Amino acid sequence: MSEGTFYNWRAKFGGMTVSEAKRLKALEDENAKLWKLLAEQMLDLAAMKELVSTKG
């Protein structure tokens, strides 16, 4: 492990307990899933708008 990696890790997790770090990881995972869902919904909306505009 490089020193840079260690210091980045320490800056992020340094003062946390194990349970806090696990909770942070769970929240980050949930946030990533929500962003993915949002992106998919935005693509669907754009496709539907395109479909409506070409029909009208």
PDB file of N, CA and C in Angstrom:
ATOM      1  N   MET A   1       0.853  -1.169   0.000  1.00  0.00           N
ATOM      2  CA  MET A   1       0.000   0.000   0.000  1.00  0.00           C
ATOM      3  C   MET A   1       0.901   1.234   0.000  1.00  0.00           C
ATOM      4  N   SER A   2       0.579   2.179  -0.859  1.00  0.00           N
ATOM      5  CA  SER A   2       1.388   3.393  -0.930  1.00  0.00           C
ATOM      6  C   SER A   2       1.041   4.339   0.223  1.00  0.00           C
ATOM      7  N   GLU A   3       1.941   5.255   0.476  1.00  0.00           N
ATOM      8  CA  GLU A   3       1.691   6.233   1.538  1.00  0.00           C
ATOM      9  C   GLU A   3       0.477   7.092   1.212  1.00  0.00           C
ATOM     10  N   GLY A   4       0.328   7.462  -0.050  1.00  0.00           N
ATOM     11  CA  GLY A   4      -0.812   8.278  -0.457  1.00  0.00           C
ATOM     12  C   GLY A   4      -2.131   7.575  -0.185  1.00  0.00           C
ATOM     13  N   THR A   5      -2.176   6.277  -0.509  1.00  0.00           N
ATOM     14  CA  THR A   5      -3.380   5.489  -0.254  1.00  0.00           C
ATOM     15  C   THR A   5      -3.675   5.440   1.235  1.00  0.00           C
ATOM     16  N   PHE A   6      -2.643   5.217   2.023  1.00  0.00           N
ATOM     17  CA  PHE A   6      -2.818   5.157   3.470  1.00  0.00           C
ATOM     18  C   PHE A   6      -3.357   6.467   4.022  1.00  0.00           C
ATOM     19  N   TYR A   7      -2.788   7.585   3.603  1.00  0.00           N
ATOM     20  CA  TYR A   7      -3.226   8.870   4.129  1.00  0.00           C
ATOM     21  C   TYR A   7      -4.638   9.221   3.666  1.00  0.00           C
ATOM     22  N   ASN A   8      -4.986   8.846   2.439  1.00  0.00           N
ATOM     23  CA  ASN A   8      -6.362   9.058   1.980  1.00  0.00           C
ATOM     24  C   ASN A   8      -7.335   8.228   2.809  1.00  0.00           C
ATOM     25  N   TRP A   9      -6.969   6.980   3.059  1.00  0.00           N
ATOM     26  CA  TRP A   9      -7.816   6.102   3.870  1.00  0.00           C
ATOM     27  C   TRP A   9      -7.956   6.665   5.277  1.00  0.00           C
ATOM     28  N   ARG A  10      -6.834   7.085   5.846  1.00  0.00           N
ATOM     29  CA  ARG A  10      -6.847   7.618   7.208  1.00  0.00           C
ATOM     30  C   ARG A  10      -7.673   8.899   7.307  1.00  0.00           C
ATOM     31  N   ALA A  11      -7.609   9.745   6.282  1.00  0.00           N
ATOM     32  CA  ALA A  11      -8.393  10.978   6.284  1.00  0.00           C
ATOM     33  C   ALA A  11      -9.887  10.667   6.243  1.00  0.00           C
ATOM     34  N   LYS A  12     -10.257   9.604   5.537  1.00  0.00           N
ATOM     35  CA  LYS A  12     -11.671   9.268   5.405  1.00  0.00           C
ATOM     36  C   LYS A  12     -12.197   8.501   6.609  1.00  0.00           C
ATOM     37  N   PHE A  13     -11.422   7.539   7.102  1.00  0.00           N
ATOM     38  CA  PHE A  13     -11.894   6.630   8.144  1.00  0.00           C
ATOM     39  C   PHE A  13     -11.192   6.782   9.488  1.00  0.00           C
ATOM     40  N   GLY A  14     -10.264   7.718   9.616  1.00  0.00           N
ATOM     41  CA  GLY A  14      -9.412   7.820  10.788  1.00  0.00           C
ATOM     42  C   GLY A  14     -10.117   7.842  12.133  1.00  0.00           C
ATOM     43  N   GLY A  15     -11.137   8.652  12.298  1.00  0.00           N
ATOM     44  CA  GLY A  15     -11.782   8.781  13.596  1.00  0.00           C
ATOM     45  C   GLY A  15     -13.021   7.924  13.768  1.00  0.00           C
ATOM     46  N   MET A  16     -13.265   7.005  12.854  1.00  0.00           N
ATOM     47  CA  MET A  16     -14.490   6.206  12.900  1.00  0.00           C
ATOM     48  C   MET A  16     -14.293   4.877  13.613  1.00  0.00           C
ATOM     49  N   THR A  17     -15.385   4.417  14.175  1.00  0.00           N
ATOM     50  CA  THR A  17     -15.395   3.054  14.691  1.00  0.00           C
ATOM     51  C   THR A  17     -15.718   2.122  13.529  1.00  0.00           C
ATOM     52  N   VAL A  18     -15.588   0.835  13.757  1.00  0.00           N
ATOM     53  CA  VAL A  18     -15.874  -0.141  12.711  1.00  0.00           C
ATOM     54  C   VAL A  18     -17.328  -0.056  12.275  1.00  0.00           C
ATOM     55  N   SER A  19     -18.233   0.080  13.223  1.00  0.00           N
ATOM     56  CA  SER A  19     -19.654   0.152  12.868  1.00  0.00           C
ATOM     57  C   SER A  19     -19.963   1.412  12.061  1.00  0.00           C
ATOM     58  N   GLU A  20     -19.314   2.515  12.381  1.00  0.00           N
ATOM     59  CA  GLU A  20     -19.517   3.742  11.610  1.00  0.00           C
ATOM     60  C   GLU A  20     -18.993   3.590  10.179  1.00  0.00           C
ATOM     61  N   ALA A  21     -17.852   2.934  10.033  1.00  0.00           N
ATOM     62  CA  ALA A  21     -17.287   2.703   8.703  1.00  0.00           C
ATOM     63  C   ALA A  21     -18.197   1.791   7.880  1.00  0.00           C
ATOM     64  N   LYS A  22     -18.754   0.768   8.519  1.00  0.00           N
ATOM     65  CA  LYS A  22     -19.687  -0.130   7.817  1.00  0.00           C
ATOM     66  C   LYS A  22     -20.934   0.629   7.391  1.00  0.00           C
ATOM     67  N   ARG A  23     -21.434   1.493   8.260  1.00  0.00           N
ATOM     68  CA  ARG A  23     -22.620   2.282   7.944  1.00  0.00           C
ATOM     69  C   ARG A  23     -22.333   3.235   6.779  1.00  0.00           C
ATOM     70  N   LEU A  24     -21.162   3.856   6.788  1.00  0.00           N
ATOM     71  CA  LEU A  24     -20.766   4.736   5.698  1.00  0.00           C
ATOM     72  C   LEU A  24     -20.717   3.970   4.383  1.00  0.00           C
ATOM     73  N   LYS A  25     -20.140   2.796   4.400  1.00  0.00           N
ATOM     74  CA  LYS A  25     -20.058   1.965   3.194  1.00  0.00           C
ATOM     75  C   LYS A  25     -21.458   1.613   2.700  1.00  0.00           C
ATOM     76  N   ALA A  26     -22.360   1.251   3.605  1.00  0.00           N
ATOM     77  CA  ALA A  26     -23.727   0.919   3.218  1.00  0.00           C
ATOM     78  C   ALA A  26     -24.428   2.129   2.602  1.00  0.00           C
ATOM     79  N   LEU A  27     -24.227   3.295   3.174  1.00  0.00           N
ATOM     80  CA  LEU A  27     -24.839   4.510   2.639  1.00  0.00           C
ATOM     81  C   LEU A  27     -24.265   4.865   1.266  1.00  0.00           C
ATOM     82  N   GLU A  28     -22.964   4.669   1.096  1.00  0.00           N
ATOM     83  CA  GLU A  28     -22.351   4.941  -0.202  1.00  0.00           C
ATOM     84  C   GLU A  28     -22.887   3.983  -1.260  1.00  0.00           C
ATOM     85  N   ASP A  29     -23.068   2.722  -0.895  1.00  0.00           N
ATOM     86  CA  ASP A  29     -23.634   1.738  -1.831  1.00  0.00           C
ATOM     87  C   ASP A  29     -25.063   2.106  -2.211  1.00  0.00           C
ATOM     88  N   GLU A  30     -25.861   2.489  -1.224  1.00  0.00           N
ATOM     89  CA  GLU A  30     -27.239   2.875  -1.489  1.00  0.00           C
ATOM     90  C   GLU A  30     -27.294   4.120  -2.372  1.00  0.00           C
ATOM     91  N   ASN A  31     -26.421   5.069  -2.100  1.00  0.00           N
ATOM     92  CA  ASN A  31     -26.364   6.288  -2.893  1.00  0.00           C
ATOM     93  C   ASN A  31     -26.019   5.972  -4.350  1.00  0.00           C
ATOM     94  N   ALA A  32     -25.088   5.067  -4.573  1.00  0.00           N
ATOM     95  CA  ALA A  32     -24.720   4.681  -5.935  1.00  0.00           C
ATOM     96  C   ALA A  32     -25.902   4.039  -6.661  1.00  0.00           C
ATOM     97  N   LYS A  33     -26.646   3.189  -5.964  1.00  0.00           N
ATOM     98  CA  LYS A  33     -27.825   2.563  -6.574  1.00  0.00           C
ATOM     99  C   LYS A  33     -28.872   3.607  -6.936  1.00  0.00           C
ATOM    100  N   LEU A  34     -29.086   4.568  -6.048  1.00  0.00           N
ATOM    101  CA  LEU A  34     -30.073   5.608  -6.308  1.00  0.00           C
ATOM    102  C   LEU A  34     -29.664   6.482  -7.500  1.00  0.00           C
ATOM    103  N   TRP A  35     -28.375   6.809  -7.605  1.00  0.00           N
ATOM    104  CA  TRP A  35     -27.902   7.591  -8.750  1.00  0.00           C
ATOM    105  C   TRP A  35     -28.103   6.818 -10.047  1.00  0.00           C
ATOM    106  N   LYS A  36     -27.879   5.508 -10.001  1.00  0.00           N
ATOM    107  CA  LYS A  36     -28.068   4.680 -11.186  1.00  0.00           C
ATOM    108  C   LYS A  36     -29.547   4.669 -11.590  1.00  0.00           C
ATOM    109  N   LEU A  37     -30.438   4.522 -10.613  1.00  0.00           N
ATOM    110  CA  LEU A  37     -31.868   4.556 -10.904  1.00  0.00           C
ATOM    111  C   LEU A  37     -32.288   5.904 -11.490  1.00  0.00           C
ATOM    112  N   LEU A  38     -31.764   6.975 -10.934  1.00  0.00           N
ATOM    113  CA  LEU A  38     -32.075   8.310 -11.441  1.00  0.00           C
ATOM    114  C   LEU A  38     -31.625   8.453 -12.893  1.00  0.00           C
ATOM    115  N   ALA A  39     -30.423   7.990 -13.193  1.00  0.00           N
ATOM    116  CA  ALA A  39     -29.913   8.085 -14.561  1.00  0.00           C
ATOM    117  C   ALA A  39     -30.787   7.287 -15.520  1.00  0.00           C
ATOM    118  N   GLU A  40     -31.205   6.101 -15.108  1.00  0.00           N
ATOM    119  CA  GLU A  40     -32.070   5.284 -15.959  1.00  0.00           C
ATOM    120  C   GLU A  40     -33.409   5.967 -16.197  1.00  0.00           C
ATOM    121  N   GLN A  41     -33.975   6.558 -15.169  1.00  0.00           N
ATOM    122  CA  GLN A  41     -35.251   7.254 -15.307  1.00  0.00           C
ATOM    123  C   GLN A  41     -35.125   8.469 -16.228  1.00  0.00           C
ATOM    124  N   MET A  42     -34.022   9.173 -16.119  1.00  0.00           N
ATOM    125  CA  MET A  42     -33.804  10.324 -16.984  1.00  0.00           C
ATOM    126  C   MET A  42     -33.665   9.893 -18.445  1.00  0.00           C
ATOM    127  N   LEU A  43     -33.002   8.776 -18.689  1.00  0.00           N
ATOM    128  CA  LEU A  43     -32.893   8.252 -20.056  1.00  0.00           C
ATOM    129  C   LEU A  43     -34.257   7.845 -20.592  1.00  0.00           C
ATOM    130  N   ASP A  44     -35.049   7.179 -19.751  1.00  0.00           N
ATOM    131  CA  ASP A  44     -36.396   6.781 -20.166  1.00  0.00           C
ATOM    132  C   ASP A  44     -37.237   8.008 -20.508  1.00  0.00           C
ATOM    133  N   LEU A  45     -37.151   9.035 -19.675  1.00  0.00           N
ATOM    134  CA  LEU A  45     -37.913  10.258 -19.905  1.00  0.00           C
ATOM    135  C   LEU A  45     -37.483  10.929 -21.207  1.00  0.00           C
ATOM    136  N   ALA A  46     -36.196  10.993 -21.450  1.00  0.00           N
ATOM    137  CA  ALA A  46     -35.698  11.602 -22.683  1.00  0.00           C
ATOM    138  C   ALA A  46     -36.167  10.815 -23.899  1.00  0.00           C
ATOM    139  N   ALA A  47     -36.166   9.490 -23.801  1.00  0.00           N
ATOM    140  CA  ALA A  47     -36.624   8.656 -24.916  1.00  0.00           C
ATOM    141  C   ALA A  47     -38.114   8.875 -25.171  1.00  0.00           C
ATOM    142  N   MET A  48     -38.896   8.974 -24.118  1.00  0.00           N
ATOM    143  CA  MET A  48     -40.331   9.200 -24.287  1.00  0.00           C
ATOM    144  C   MET A  48     -40.609  10.580 -24.875  1.00  0.00           C
ATOM    145  N   LYS A  49     -39.864  11.594 -24.447  1.00  0.00           N
ATOM    146  CA  LYS A  49     -40.028  12.938 -25.009  1.00  0.00           C
ATOM    147  C   LYS A  49     -39.684  12.923 -26.488  1.00  0.00           C
ATOM    148  N   GLU A  50     -38.641  12.214 -26.854  1.00  0.00           N
ATOM    149  CA  GLU A  50     -38.247  12.102 -28.258  1.00  0.00           C
ATOM    150  C   GLU A  50     -39.342  11.412 -29.063  1.00  0.00           C
ATOM    151  N   LEU A  51     -39.904  10.375 -28.524  1.00  0.00           N
ATOM    152  CA  LEU A  51     -40.971   9.636 -29.196  1.00  0.00           C
ATOM    153  C   LEU A  51     -42.196  10.519 -29.400  1.00  0.00           C
ATOM    154  N   VAL A  52     -42.565  11.263 -28.375  1.00  0.00           N
ATOM    155  CA  VAL A  52     -43.725  12.150 -28.467  1.00  0.00           C
ATOM    156  C   VAL A  52     -43.469  13.259 -29.493  1.00  0.00           C
ATOM    157  N   SER A  53     -42.273  13.804 -29.496  1.00  0.00           N
ATOM    158  CA  SER A  53     -41.983  14.912 -30.417  1.00  0.00           C
ATOM    159  C   SER A  53     -41.953  14.454 -31.870  1.00  0.00           C
ATOM    160  N   THR A  54     -41.570  13.212 -32.123  1.00  0.00           N
ATOM    161  CA  THR A  54     -41.546  12.724 -33.502  1.00  0.00           C
ATOM    162  C   THR A  54     -42.938  12.344 -33.985  1.00  0.00           C
ATOM    163  N   LYS A  55     -43.836  11.983 -33.078  1.00  0.00           N
ATOM    164  CA  LYS A  55     -45.207  11.634 -33.466  1.00  0.00           C
ATOM    165  C   LYS A  55     -46.047  12.875 -33.729  1.00  0.00           C
ATOM    166  N   GLY A  56     -45.724  13.979 -33.056  1.00  0.00           N
ATOM    167  CA  GLY A  56     -46.546  15.172 -33.146  1.00  0.00           C
ATOM    168  C   GLY A  56     -46.068  16.080 -34.179  1.00  0.00           C
TER     169      GLY A  56
END
